[in-house]
Amino acid sequence: VRAAVDILDVIGQGTEVRPQGRNFVVRCPFHNDRRPSLTINPER
């Protein structure tokens, strides 16, 4: 299952994902996030 899904697609459903260096950032849905603070590492 982990090999079949991409974490970027799962977290990015319905929200904007922005590149930041080798990683990506998105507004965290678990707190009132005014600027993207959730970091996604696509390699790991």
PDB file of all heavy atoms in Angstrom:
ATOM      1  N   VAL A   1       0.837  -1.203   0.000  1.00  0.00           N
ATOM      2  CA  VAL A   1       0.000   0.000   0.000  1.00  0.00           C
ATOM      3  C   VAL A   1       0.869   1.249   0.000  1.00  0.00           C
ATOM      4  O   VAL A   1       0.615   2.201  -0.748  1.00  0.00           O
ATOM      5  CB  VAL A   1      -0.954  -0.004   1.211  1.00  0.00           C
ATOM      6  CG1 VAL A   1      -1.643   1.347   1.359  1.00  0.00           C
ATOM      7  CG2 VAL A   1      -1.995  -1.110   1.073  1.00  0.00           C
ATOM      8  N   ARG A   2       1.890   1.273   0.836  1.00  0.00           N
ATOM      9  CA  ARG A   2       2.754   2.456   0.896  1.00  0.00           C
ATOM     10  C   ARG A   2       3.428   2.704  -0.451  1.00  0.00           C
ATOM     11  O   ARG A   2       3.592   3.860  -0.869  1.00  0.00           O
ATOM     12  CB  ARG A   2       3.822   2.297   1.976  1.00  0.00           C
ATOM     13  CG  ARG A   2       4.654   3.568   2.162  1.00  0.00           C
ATOM     14  CD  ARG A   2       5.659   3.445   3.269  1.00  0.00           C
ATOM     15  NE  ARG A   2       6.718   2.486   2.952  1.00  0.00           N
ATOM     16  CZ  ARG A   2       7.762   2.240   3.736  1.00  0.00           C
ATOM     17  NH1 ARG A   2       7.861   2.870   4.893  1.00  0.00           N
ATOM     18  NH2 ARG A   2       8.677   1.355   3.392  1.00  0.00           N
ATOM     19  N   ALA A   3       3.804   1.628  -1.153  1.00  0.00           N
ATOM     20  CA  ALA A   3       4.452   1.786  -2.453  1.00  0.00           C
ATOM     21  C   ALA A   3       3.475   2.280  -3.515  1.00  0.00           C
ATOM     22  O   ALA A   3       3.888   2.885  -4.510  1.00  0.00           O
ATOM     23  CB  ALA A   3       5.073   0.464  -2.887  1.00  0.00           C
ATOM     24  N   ALA A   4       2.178   2.027  -3.295  1.00  0.00           N
ATOM     25  CA  ALA A   4       1.176   2.357  -4.312  1.00  0.00           C
ATOM     26  C   ALA A   4       0.620   3.771  -4.181  1.00  0.00           C
ATOM     27  O   ALA A   4      -0.039   4.261  -5.094  1.00  0.00           O
ATOM     28  CB  ALA A   4       0.031   1.352  -4.257  1.00  0.00           C
ATOM     29  N   VAL A   5       0.836   4.426  -3.041  1.00  0.00           N
ATOM     30  CA  VAL A   5       0.315   5.782  -2.852  1.00  0.00           C
ATOM     31  C   VAL A   5       1.475   6.742  -2.651  1.00  0.00           C
ATOM     32  O   VAL A   5       2.531   6.369  -2.146  1.00  0.00           O
ATOM     33  CB  VAL A   5      -0.654   5.859  -1.644  1.00  0.00           C
ATOM     34  CG1 VAL A   5      -1.862   4.984  -1.870  1.00  0.00           C
ATOM     35  CG2 VAL A   5       0.048   5.477  -0.343  1.00  0.00           C
ATOM     36  N   ASP A   6       1.266   7.973  -3.050  1.00  0.00           N
ATOM     37  CA  ASP A   6       2.264   9.027  -2.876  1.00  0.00           C
ATOM     38  C   ASP A   6       1.779   9.959  -1.786  1.00  0.00           C
ATOM     39  O   ASP A   6       0.663  10.486  -1.853  1.00  0.00           O
ATOM     40  CB  ASP A   6       2.458   9.796  -4.182  1.00  0.00           C
ATOM     41  CG  ASP A   6       3.636  10.767  -4.122  1.00  0.00           C
ATOM     42  OD1 ASP A   6       3.987  11.207  -3.011  1.00  0.00           O
ATOM     43  OD2 ASP A   6       4.185  11.098  -5.180  1.00  0.00           O
ATOM     44  N   ILE A   7       2.608  10.177  -0.771  1.00  0.00           N
ATOM     45  CA  ILE A   7       2.190  11.011   0.349  1.00  0.00           C
ATOM     46  C   ILE A   7       1.860  12.434  -0.094  1.00  0.00           C
ATOM     47  O   ILE A   7       1.002  13.095   0.497  1.00  0.00           O
ATOM     48  CB  ILE A   7       3.269  11.008   1.465  1.00  0.00           C
ATOM     49  CG1 ILE A   7       2.694  11.565   2.765  1.00  0.00           C
ATOM     50  CG2 ILE A   7       4.514  11.781   1.016  1.00  0.00           C
ATOM     51  CD1 ILE A   7       3.592  11.363   3.969  1.00  0.00           C
ATOM     52  N   LEU A   8       2.489  12.904  -1.160  1.00  0.00           N
ATOM     53  CA  LEU A   8       2.167  14.232  -1.678  1.00  0.00           C
ATOM     54  C   LEU A   8       0.726  14.292  -2.168  1.00  0.00           C
ATOM     55  O   LEU A   8       0.024  15.285  -1.947  1.00  0.00           O
ATOM     56  CB  LEU A   8       3.118  14.603  -2.821  1.00  0.00           C
ATOM     57  CG  LEU A   8       4.469  15.203  -2.437  1.00  0.00           C
ATOM     58  CD1 LEU A   8       5.344  15.350  -3.675  1.00  0.00           C
ATOM     59  CD2 LEU A   8       4.292  16.542  -1.743  1.00  0.00           C
ATOM     60  N   ASP A   9       0.281  13.241  -2.833  1.00  0.00           N
ATOM     61  CA  ASP A   9      -1.096  13.202  -3.324  1.00  0.00           C
ATOM     62  C   ASP A   9      -2.093  13.133  -2.176  1.00  0.00           C
ATOM     63  O   ASP A   9      -3.150  13.777  -2.206  1.00  0.00           O
ATOM     64  CB  ASP A   9      -1.293  12.004  -4.255  1.00  0.00           C
ATOM     65  CG  ASP A   9      -0.479  12.123  -5.536  1.00  0.00           C
ATOM     66  OD1 ASP A   9      -0.165  13.266  -5.922  1.00  0.00           O
ATOM     67  OD2 ASP A   9      -0.150  11.084  -6.130  1.00  0.00           O
ATOM     68  N   VAL A  10      -1.772  12.336  -1.168  1.00  0.00           N
ATOM     69  CA  VAL A  10      -2.697  12.160  -0.045  1.00  0.00           C
ATOM     70  C   VAL A  10      -2.841  13.457   0.740  1.00  0.00           C
ATOM     71  O   VAL A  10      -3.951  13.910   1.032  1.00  0.00           O
ATOM     72  CB  VAL A  10      -2.222  11.017   0.875  1.00  0.00           C
ATOM     73  CG1 VAL A  10      -3.102  10.923   2.123  1.00  0.00           C
ATOM     74  CG2 VAL A  10      -2.230   9.696   0.120  1.00  0.00           C
ATOM     75  N   ILE A  11      -1.718  14.080   1.103  1.00  0.00           N
ATOM     76  CA  ILE A  11      -1.781  15.314   1.885  1.00  0.00           C
ATOM     77  C   ILE A  11      -2.281  16.468   1.028  1.00  0.00           C
ATOM     78  O   ILE A  11      -2.950  17.383   1.520  1.00  0.00           O
ATOM     79  CB  ILE A  11      -0.399  15.644   2.485  1.00  0.00           C
ATOM     80  CG1 ILE A  11       0.027  14.537   3.462  1.00  0.00           C
ATOM     81  CG2 ILE A  11      -0.403  16.989   3.196  1.00  0.00           C
ATOM     82  CD1 ILE A  11       1.385  14.763   4.106  1.00  0.00           C
ATOM     83  N   GLY A  12      -1.995  16.425  -0.259  1.00  0.00           N
ATOM     84  CA  GLY A  12      -2.362  17.537  -1.132  1.00  0.00           C
ATOM     85  C   GLY A  12      -3.789  17.528  -1.616  1.00  0.00           C
ATOM     86  O   GLY A  12      -4.182  18.422  -2.369  1.00  0.00           O
ATOM     87  N   GLN A  13      -4.597  16.549  -1.184  1.00  0.00           N
ATOM     88  CA  GLN A  13      -5.991  16.511  -1.609  1.00  0.00           C
ATOM     89  C   GLN A  13      -6.739  17.733  -1.094  1.00  0.00           C
ATOM     90  O   GLN A  13      -6.887  17.929   0.104  1.00  0.00           O
ATOM     91  CB  GLN A  13      -6.674  15.231  -1.100  1.00  0.00           C
ATOM     92  CG  GLN A  13      -6.163  13.967  -1.755  1.00  0.00           C
ATOM     93  CD  GLN A  13      -6.753  12.718  -1.126  1.00  0.00           C
ATOM     94  OE1 GLN A  13      -7.504  12.783  -0.148  1.00  0.00           O
ATOM     95  NE2 GLN A  13      -6.414  11.562  -1.676  1.00  0.00           N
ATOM     96  N   GLY A  14      -7.191  18.573  -2.004  1.00  0.00           N
ATOM     97  CA  GLY A  14      -8.009  19.717  -1.634  1.00  0.00           C
ATOM     98  C   GLY A  14      -7.251  20.880  -1.040  1.00  0.00           C
ATOM     99  O   GLY A  14      -7.859  21.796  -0.480  1.00  0.00           O
ATOM    100  N   THR A  15      -5.925  20.893  -1.098  1.00  0.00           N
ATOM    101  CA  THR A  15      -5.161  22.005  -0.548  1.00  0.00           C
ATOM    102  C   THR A  15      -3.911  22.226  -1.395  1.00  0.00           C
ATOM    103  O   THR A  15      -3.484  21.332  -2.129  1.00  0.00           O
ATOM    104  CB  THR A  15      -4.765  21.730   0.922  1.00  0.00           C
ATOM    105  OG1 THR A  15      -4.172  22.897   1.488  1.00  0.00           O
ATOM    106  CG2 THR A  15      -3.775  20.581   1.009  1.00  0.00           C
ATOM    107  N   GLU A  16      -3.325  23.403  -1.289  1.00  0.00           N
ATOM    108  CA  GLU A  16      -2.176  23.758  -2.117  1.00  0.00           C
ATOM    109  C   GLU A  16      -0.875  23.300  -1.464  1.00  0.00           C
ATOM    110  O   GLU A  16      -0.596  23.611  -0.310  1.00  0.00           O
ATOM    111  CB  GLU A  16      -2.127  25.272  -2.331  1.00  0.00           C
ATOM    112  CG  GLU A  16      -0.962  25.730  -3.196  1.00  0.00           C
ATOM    113  CD  GLU A  16      -0.873  27.245  -3.306  1.00  0.00           C
ATOM    114  OE1 GLU A  16      -1.684  27.927  -2.638  1.00  0.00           O
ATOM    115  OE2 GLU A  16       0.007  27.731  -4.036  1.00  0.00           O
ATOM    116  N   VAL A  17      -0.090  22.546  -2.225  1.00  0.00           N
ATOM    117  CA  VAL A  17       1.214  22.083  -1.775  1.00  0.00           C
ATOM    118  C   VAL A  17       2.278  22.884  -2.513  1.00  0.00           C
ATOM    119  O   VAL A  17       2.273  22.970  -3.737  1.00  0.00           O
ATOM    120  CB  VAL A  17       1.395  20.570  -2.047  1.00  0.00           C
ATOM    121  CG1 VAL A  17       2.785  20.124  -1.629  1.00  0.00           C
ATOM    122  CG2 VAL A  17       0.338  19.766  -1.301  1.00  0.00           C
ATOM    123  N   ARG A  18       3.211  23.483  -1.758  1.00  0.00           N
ATOM    124  CA  ARG A  18       4.250  24.325  -2.350  1.00  0.00           C
ATOM    125  C   ARG A  18       5.632  23.689  -2.183  1.00  0.00           C
ATOM    126  O   ARG A  18       5.930  23.146  -1.127  1.00  0.00           O
ATOM    127  CB  ARG A  18       4.268  25.707  -1.679  1.00  0.00           C
ATOM    128  CG  ARG A  18       2.953  26.454  -1.721  1.00  0.00           C
ATOM    129  CD  ARG A  18       3.089  27.761  -0.959  1.00  0.00           C
ATOM    130  NE  ARG A  18       1.805  28.439  -0.811  1.00  0.00           N
ATOM    131  CZ  ARG A  18       1.630  29.555  -0.086  1.00  0.00           C
ATOM    132  NH1 ARG A  18       2.671  30.092   0.539  1.00  0.00           N
ATOM    133  NH2 ARG A  18       0.430  30.096   0.003  1.00  0.00           N
ATOM    134  N   PRO A  19       6.473  23.771  -3.218  1.00  0.00           N
ATOM    135  CA  PRO A  19       7.844  23.269  -3.073  1.00  0.00           C
ATOM    136  C   PRO A  19       8.675  24.186  -2.184  1.00  0.00           C
ATOM    137  O   PRO A  19       8.507  25.410  -2.198  1.00  0.00           O
ATOM    138  CB  PRO A  19       8.357  23.269  -4.515  1.00  0.00           C
ATOM    139  CG  PRO A  19       7.547  24.297  -5.219  1.00  0.00           C
ATOM    140  CD  PRO A  19       6.195  24.287  -4.575  1.00  0.00           C
ATOM    141  N   GLN A  20       9.562  23.600  -1.399  1.00  0.00           N
ATOM    142  CA  GLN A  20      10.483  24.362  -0.552  1.00  0.00           C
ATOM    143  C   GLN A  20      11.782  23.565  -0.477  1.00  0.00           C
ATOM    144  O   GLN A  20      11.932  22.661   0.340  1.00  0.00           O
ATOM    145  CB  GLN A  20       9.897  24.591   0.840  1.00  0.00           C
ATOM    146  CG  GLN A  20      10.722  25.542   1.701  1.00  0.00           C
ATOM    147  CD  GLN A  20      10.079  25.784   3.053  1.00  0.00           C
ATOM    148  OE1 GLN A  20      10.235  24.980   3.966  1.00  0.00           O
ATOM    149  NE2 GLN A  20       9.354  26.876   3.189  1.00  0.00           N
ATOM    150  N   GLY A  21      12.729  23.935  -1.355  1.00  0.00           N
ATOM    151  CA  GLY A  21      13.958  23.162  -1.444  1.00  0.00           C
ATOM    152  C   GLY A  21      13.665  21.772  -1.959  1.00  0.00           C
ATOM    153  O   GLY A  21      12.948  21.589  -2.950  1.00  0.00           O
ATOM    154  N   ARG A  22      14.187  20.761  -1.262  1.00  0.00           N
ATOM    155  CA  ARG A  22      13.941  19.374  -1.655  1.00  0.00           C
ATOM    156  C   ARG A  22      12.630  18.855  -1.090  1.00  0.00           C
ATOM    157  O   ARG A  22      12.198  17.752  -1.433  1.00  0.00           O
ATOM    158  CB  ARG A  22      15.099  18.490  -1.180  1.00  0.00           C
ATOM    159  CG  ARG A  22      16.449  18.883  -1.769  1.00  0.00           C
ATOM    160  CD  ARG A  22      17.577  18.070  -1.166  1.00  0.00           C
ATOM    161  NE  ARG A  22      17.439  16.639  -1.453  1.00  0.00           N
ATOM    162  CZ  ARG A  22      18.301  15.726  -1.022  1.00  0.00           C
ATOM    163  NH1 ARG A  22      19.345  16.088  -0.298  1.00  0.00           N
ATOM    164  NH2 ARG A  22      18.128  14.455  -1.323  1.00  0.00           N
ATOM    165  N   ASN A  23      12.009  19.630  -0.221  1.00  0.00           N
ATOM    166  CA  ASN A  23      10.762  19.219   0.417  1.00  0.00           C
ATOM    167  C   ASN A  23       9.588  20.017  -0.138  1.00  0.00           C
ATOM    168  O   ASN A  23       9.726  20.845  -1.032  1.00  0.00           O
ATOM    169  CB  ASN A  23      10.860  19.407   1.932  1.00  0.00           C
ATOM    170  CG  ASN A  23      11.924  18.527   2.552  1.00  0.00           C
ATOM    171  OD1 ASN A  23      12.177  17.416   2.089  1.00  0.00           O
ATOM    172  ND2 ASN A  23      12.559  19.018   3.597  1.00  0.00           N
ATOM    173  N   PHE A  24       8.419  19.780   0.446  1.00  0.00           N
ATOM    174  CA  PHE A  24       7.217  20.540   0.128  1.00  0.00           C
ATOM    175  C   PHE A  24       6.574  20.977   1.435  1.00  0.00           C
ATOM    176  O   PHE A  24       6.764  20.338   2.481  1.00  0.00           O
ATOM    177  CB  PHE A  24       6.230  19.684  -0.677  1.00  0.00           C
ATOM    178  CG  PHE A  24       6.682  19.377  -2.072  1.00  0.00           C
ATOM    179  CD1 PHE A  24       7.592  18.348  -2.312  1.00  0.00           C
ATOM    180  CD2 PHE A  24       6.217  20.110  -3.146  1.00  0.00           C
ATOM    181  CE1 PHE A  24       8.020  18.053  -3.601  1.00  0.00           C
ATOM    182  CE2 PHE A  24       6.639  19.826  -4.436  1.00  0.00           C
ATOM    183  CZ  PHE A  24       7.540  18.803  -4.660  1.00  0.00           C
ATOM    184  N   VAL A  25       5.809  22.070   1.378  1.00  0.00           N
ATOM    185  CA  VAL A  25       5.119  22.557   2.568  1.00  0.00           C
ATOM    186  C   VAL A  25       3.656  22.779   2.231  1.00  0.00           C
ATOM    187  O   VAL A  25       3.286  23.028   1.078  1.00  0.00           O
ATOM    188  CB  VAL A  25       5.739  23.865   3.115  1.00  0.00           C
ATOM    189  CG1 VAL A  25       7.135  23.631   3.638  1.00  0.00           C
ATOM    190  CG2 VAL A  25       5.733  24.954   2.054  1.00  0.00           C
ATOM    191  N   VAL A  26       2.820  22.694   3.267  1.00  0.00           N
ATOM    192  CA  VAL A  26       1.384  22.884   3.117  1.00  0.00           C
ATOM    193  C   VAL A  26       0.842  23.398   4.441  1.00  0.00           C
ATOM    194  O   VAL A  26       1.442  23.175   5.506  1.00  0.00           O
ATOM    195  CB  VAL A  26       0.706  21.546   2.724  1.00  0.00           C
ATOM    196  CG1 VAL A  26       0.833  20.531   3.841  1.00  0.00           C
ATOM    197  CG2 VAL A  26      -0.751  21.756   2.365  1.00  0.00           C
ATOM    198  N   ARG A  27      -0.266  24.109   4.394  1.00  0.00           N
ATOM    199  CA  ARG A  27      -0.894  24.550   5.645  1.00  0.00           C
ATOM    200  C   ARG A  27      -1.369  23.335   6.436  1.00  0.00           C
ATOM    201  O   ARG A  27      -2.079  22.479   5.913  1.00  0.00           O
ATOM    202  CB  ARG A  27      -2.076  25.476   5.349  1.00  0.00           C
ATOM    203  CG  ARG A  27      -1.653  26.856   4.861  1.00  0.00           C
ATOM    204  CD  ARG A  27      -2.839  27.777   4.753  1.00  0.00           C
ATOM    205  NE  ARG A  27      -2.440  29.122   4.359  1.00  0.00           N
ATOM    206  CZ  ARG A  27      -3.284  30.140   4.224  1.00  0.00           C
ATOM    207  NH1 ARG A  27      -4.576  29.955   4.430  1.00  0.00           N
ATOM    208  NH2 ARG A  27      -2.834  31.331   3.867  1.00  0.00           N
ATOM    209  N   CYS A  28      -0.993  23.301   7.680  1.00  0.00           N
ATOM    210  CA  CYS A  28      -1.344  22.158   8.524  1.00  0.00           C
ATOM    211  C   CYS A  28      -2.847  22.172   8.826  1.00  0.00           C
ATOM    212  O   CYS A  28      -3.374  23.173   9.311  1.00  0.00           O
ATOM    213  CB  CYS A  28      -0.544  22.195   9.829  1.00  0.00           C
ATOM    214  SG  CYS A  28      -0.973  20.854  10.964  1.00  0.00           S
ATOM    215  N   PRO A  29      -3.554  21.075   8.565  1.00  0.00           N
ATOM    216  CA  PRO A  29      -4.990  21.029   8.849  1.00  0.00           C
ATOM    217  C   PRO A  29      -5.322  20.793  10.312  1.00  0.00           C
ATOM    218  O   PRO A  29      -6.493  20.814  10.683  1.00  0.00           O
ATOM    219  CB  PRO A  29      -5.461  19.843   7.989  1.00  0.00           C
ATOM    220  CG  PRO A  29      -4.282  18.938   7.939  1.00  0.00           C
ATOM    221  CD  PRO A  29      -3.073  19.839   7.925  1.00  0.00           C
ATOM    222  N   PHE A  30      -4.285  20.582  11.150  1.00  0.00           N
ATOM    223  CA  PHE A  30      -4.536  20.228  12.539  1.00  0.00           C
ATOM    224  C   PHE A  30      -4.430  21.411  13.495  1.00  0.00           C
ATOM    225  O   PHE A  30      -4.574  21.252  14.698  1.00  0.00           O
ATOM    226  CB  PHE A  30      -3.581  19.109  12.961  1.00  0.00           C
ATOM    227  CG  PHE A  30      -3.595  17.950  12.021  1.00  0.00           C
ATOM    228  CD1 PHE A  30      -2.433  17.534  11.388  1.00  0.00           C
ATOM    229  CD2 PHE A  30      -4.770  17.284  11.741  1.00  0.00           C
ATOM    230  CE1 PHE A  30      -2.436  16.477  10.502  1.00  0.00           C
ATOM    231  CE2 PHE A  30      -4.794  16.223  10.855  1.00  0.00           C
ATOM    232  CZ  PHE A  30      -3.622  15.820  10.231  1.00  0.00           C
ATOM    233  N   HIS A  31      -4.119  22.592  12.978  1.00  0.00           N
ATOM    234  CA  HIS A  31      -4.189  23.809  13.776  1.00  0.00           C
ATOM    235  C   HIS A  31      -4.460  24.974  12.835  1.00  0.00           C
ATOM    236  O   HIS A  31      -4.390  24.838  11.612  1.00  0.00           O
ATOM    237  CB  HIS A  31      -2.894  24.036  14.582  1.00  0.00           C
ATOM    238  CG  HIS A  31      -1.721  24.496  13.777  1.00  0.00           C
ATOM    239  ND1 HIS A  31      -0.920  23.631  13.038  1.00  0.00           N
ATOM    240  CD2 HIS A  31      -1.202  25.732  13.570  1.00  0.00           C
ATOM    241  CE1 HIS A  31       0.028  24.310  12.431  1.00  0.00           C
ATOM    242  NE2 HIS A  31      -0.118  25.591  12.729  1.00  0.00           N
ATOM    243  N   ASN A  32      -4.805  26.116  13.386  1.00  0.00           N
ATOM    244  CA  ASN A  32      -5.110  27.288  12.571  1.00  0.00           C
ATOM    245  C   ASN A  32      -3.815  27.841  11.983  1.00  0.00           C
ATOM    246  O   ASN A  32      -3.195  28.744  12.531  1.00  0.00           O
ATOM    247  CB  ASN A  32      -5.833  28.354  13.406  1.00  0.00           C
ATOM    248  CG  ASN A  32      -7.214  27.900  13.834  1.00  0.00           C
ATOM    249  OD1 ASN A  32      -7.933  27.296  13.044  1.00  0.00           O
ATOM    250  ND2 ASN A  32      -7.583  28.163  15.080  1.00  0.00           N
ATOM    251  N   ASP A  33      -3.447  27.282  10.866  1.00  0.00           N
ATOM    252  CA  ASP A  33      -2.157  27.570  10.245  1.00  0.00           C
ATOM    253  C   ASP A  33      -2.296  28.712   9.235  1.00  0.00           C
ATOM    254  O   ASP A  33      -2.965  28.560   8.207  1.00  0.00           O
ATOM    255  CB  ASP A  33      -1.650  26.308   9.540  1.00  0.00           C
ATOM    256  CG  ASP A  33      -0.156  26.360   9.263  1.00  0.00           C
ATOM    257  OD1 ASP A  33       0.479  27.338   9.690  1.00  0.00           O
ATOM    258  OD2 ASP A  33       0.351  25.422   8.630  1.00  0.00           O
ATOM    259  N   ARG A  34      -1.658  29.847   9.522  1.00  0.00           N
ATOM    260  CA  ARG A  34      -1.741  30.991   8.613  1.00  0.00           C
ATOM    261  C   ARG A  34      -0.713  30.927   7.502  1.00  0.00           C
ATOM    262  O   ARG A  34      -0.905  31.488   6.439  1.00  0.00           O
ATOM    263  CB  ARG A  34      -1.572  32.291   9.411  1.00  0.00           C
ATOM    264  CG  ARG A  34      -2.692  32.514  10.416  1.00  0.00           C
ATOM    265  CD  ARG A  34      -2.559  33.868  11.096  1.00  0.00           C
ATOM    266  NE  ARG A  34      -3.664  34.098  12.024  1.00  0.00           N
ATOM    267  CZ  ARG A  34      -3.805  35.213  12.743  1.00  0.00           C
ATOM    268  NH1 ARG A  34      -2.904  36.179  12.637  1.00  0.00           N
ATOM    269  NH2 ARG A  34      -4.829  35.339  13.555  1.00  0.00           N
ATOM    270  N   ARG A  35       0.386  30.253   7.772  1.00  0.00           N
ATOM    271  CA  ARG A  35       1.364  30.051   6.719  1.00  0.00           C
ATOM    272  C   ARG A  35       1.808  28.595   6.775  1.00  0.00           C
ATOM    273  O   ARG A  35       1.813  27.985   7.850  1.00  0.00           O
ATOM    274  CB  ARG A  35       2.562  30.986   6.887  1.00  0.00           C
ATOM    275  CG  ARG A  35       3.321  30.796   8.182  1.00  0.00           C
ATOM    276  CD  ARG A  35       4.512  31.752   8.228  1.00  0.00           C
ATOM    277  NE  ARG A  35       5.320  31.554   9.414  1.00  0.00           N
ATOM    278  CZ  ARG A  35       6.447  32.226   9.670  1.00  0.00           C
ATOM    279  NH1 ARG A  35       6.869  33.126   8.791  1.00  0.00           N
ATOM    280  NH2 ARG A  35       7.131  31.993  10.767  1.00  0.00           N
ATOM    281  N   PRO A  36       2.179  28.033   5.647  1.00  0.00           N
ATOM    282  CA  PRO A  36       2.472  26.597   5.618  1.00  0.00           C
ATOM    283  C   PRO A  36       3.536  26.194   6.640  1.00  0.00           C
ATOM    284  O   PRO A  36       4.652  26.714   6.622  1.00  0.00           O
ATOM    285  CB  PRO A  36       2.966  26.369   4.187  1.00  0.00           C
ATOM    286  CG  PRO A  36       2.345  27.462   3.390  1.00  0.00           C
ATOM    287  CD  PRO A  36       2.305  28.646   4.317  1.00  0.00           C
ATOM    288  N   SER A  37       3.189  25.267   7.526  1.00  0.00           N
ATOM    289  CA  SER A  37       4.142  24.812   8.538  1.00  0.00           C
ATOM    290  C   SER A  37       4.274  23.295   8.566  1.00  0.00           C
ATOM    291  O   SER A  37       5.037  22.762   9.360  1.00  0.00           O
ATOM    292  CB  SER A  37       3.735  25.321   9.926  1.00  0.00           C
ATOM    293  OG  SER A  37       2.446  24.864  10.282  1.00  0.00           O
ATOM    294  N   LEU A  38       3.509  22.603   7.726  1.00  0.00           N
ATOM    295  CA  LEU A  38       3.628  21.150   7.651  1.00  0.00           C
ATOM    296  C   LEU A  38       4.572  20.818   6.500  1.00  0.00           C
ATOM    297  O   LEU A  38       4.336  21.215   5.355  1.00  0.00           O
ATOM    298  CB  LEU A  38       2.259  20.505   7.426  1.00  0.00           C
ATOM    299  CG  LEU A  38       2.184  18.974   7.518  1.00  0.00           C
ATOM    300  CD1 LEU A  38       0.805  18.536   7.994  1.00  0.00           C
ATOM    301  CD2 LEU A  38       2.500  18.304   6.191  1.00  0.00           C
ATOM    302  N   THR A  39       5.656  20.116   6.811  1.00  0.00           N
ATOM    303  CA  THR A  39       6.683  19.781   5.822  1.00  0.00           C
ATOM    304  C   THR A  39       6.505  18.347   5.353  1.00  0.00           C
ATOM    305  O   THR A  39       6.291  17.442   6.158  1.00  0.00           O
ATOM    306  CB  THR A  39       8.090  19.951   6.422  1.00  0.00           C
ATOM    307  OG1 THR A  39       8.251  21.303   6.866  1.00  0.00           O
ATOM    308  CG2 THR A  39       9.155  19.631   5.395  1.00  0.00           C
ATOM    309  N   ILE A  40       6.604  18.148   4.040  1.00  0.00           N
ATOM    310  CA  ILE A  40       6.498  16.817   3.438  1.00  0.00           C
ATOM    311  C   ILE A  40       7.838  16.477   2.789  1.00  0.00           C
ATOM    312  O   ILE A  40       8.368  17.266   1.996  1.00  0.00           O
ATOM    313  CB  ILE A  40       5.399  16.765   2.366  1.00  0.00           C
ATOM    314  CG1 ILE A  40       4.065  17.284   2.932  1.00  0.00           C
ATOM    315  CG2 ILE A  40       5.229  15.351   1.836  1.00  0.00           C
ATOM    316  CD1 ILE A  40       3.011  17.517   1.866  1.00  0.00           C
ATOM    317  N   ASN A  41       8.380  15.331   3.148  1.00  0.00           N
ATOM    318  CA  ASN A  41       9.617  14.854   2.534  1.00  0.00           C
ATOM    319  C   ASN A  41       9.263  13.737   1.555  1.00  0.00           C
ATOM    320  O   ASN A  41       8.971  12.612   1.965  1.00  0.00           O
ATOM    321  CB  ASN A  41      10.576  14.330   3.604  1.00  0.00           C
ATOM    322  CG  ASN A  41      11.942  13.984   3.048  1.00  0.00           C
ATOM    323  OD1 ASN A  41      12.057  13.370   1.996  1.00  0.00           O
ATOM    324  ND2 ASN A  41      12.982  14.383   3.750  1.00  0.00           N
ATOM    325  N   PRO A  42       9.242  14.035   0.237  1.00  0.00           N
ATOM    326  CA  PRO A  42       8.805  13.024  -0.730  1.00  0.00           C
ATOM    327  C   PRO A  42       9.773  11.848  -0.844  1.00  0.00           C
ATOM    328  O   PRO A  42       9.353  10.745  -1.207  1.00  0.00           O
ATOM    329  CB  PRO A  42       8.727  13.816  -2.041  1.00  0.00           C
ATOM    330  CG  PRO A  42       9.650  14.971  -1.854  1.00  0.00           C
ATOM    331  CD  PRO A  42       9.605  15.313  -0.404  1.00  0.00           C
ATOM    332  N   GLU A  43      11.062  12.068  -0.547  1.00  0.00           N
ATOM    333  CA  GLU A  43      12.019  10.967  -0.630  1.00  0.00           C
ATOM    334  C   GLU A  43      11.765   9.947   0.474  1.00  0.00           C
ATOM    335  O   GLU A  43      11.757   8.738   0.232  1.00  0.00           O
ATOM    336  CB  GLU A  43      13.445  11.505  -0.524  1.00  0.00           C
ATOM    337  CG  GLU A  43      13.869  12.378  -1.703  1.00  0.00           C
ATOM    338  CD  GLU A  43      15.302  12.866  -1.551  1.00  0.00           C
ATOM    339  OE1 GLU A  43      16.042  12.243  -0.762  1.00  0.00           O
ATOM    340  OE2 GLU A  43      15.669  13.851  -2.210  1.00  0.00           O
ATOM    341  N   ARG A  44      11.572  10.444   1.673  1.00  0.00           N
ATOM    342  CA  ARG A  44      11.318   9.547   2.800  1.00  0.00           C
ATOM    343  C   ARG A  44       9.839   9.164   2.911  1.00  0.00           C
ATOM    344  O   ARG A  44       9.493   8.292   3.702  1.00  0.00           O
ATOM    345  CB  ARG A  44      11.750  10.219   4.110  1.00  0.00           C
ATOM    346  CG  ARG A  44      13.237  10.558   4.174  1.00  0.00           C
ATOM    347  CD  ARG A  44      13.508  11.366   5.423  1.00  0.00           C
ATOM    348  NE  ARG A  44      14.917  11.751   5.542  1.00  0.00           N
ATOM    349  CZ  ARG A  44      15.362  12.673   6.387  1.00  0.00           C
ATOM    350  NH1 ARG A  44      14.517  13.308   7.185  1.00  0.00           N
ATOM    351  NH2 ARG A  44      16.644  12.967   6.441  1.00  0.00           N
TER     352      ARG A  44
END
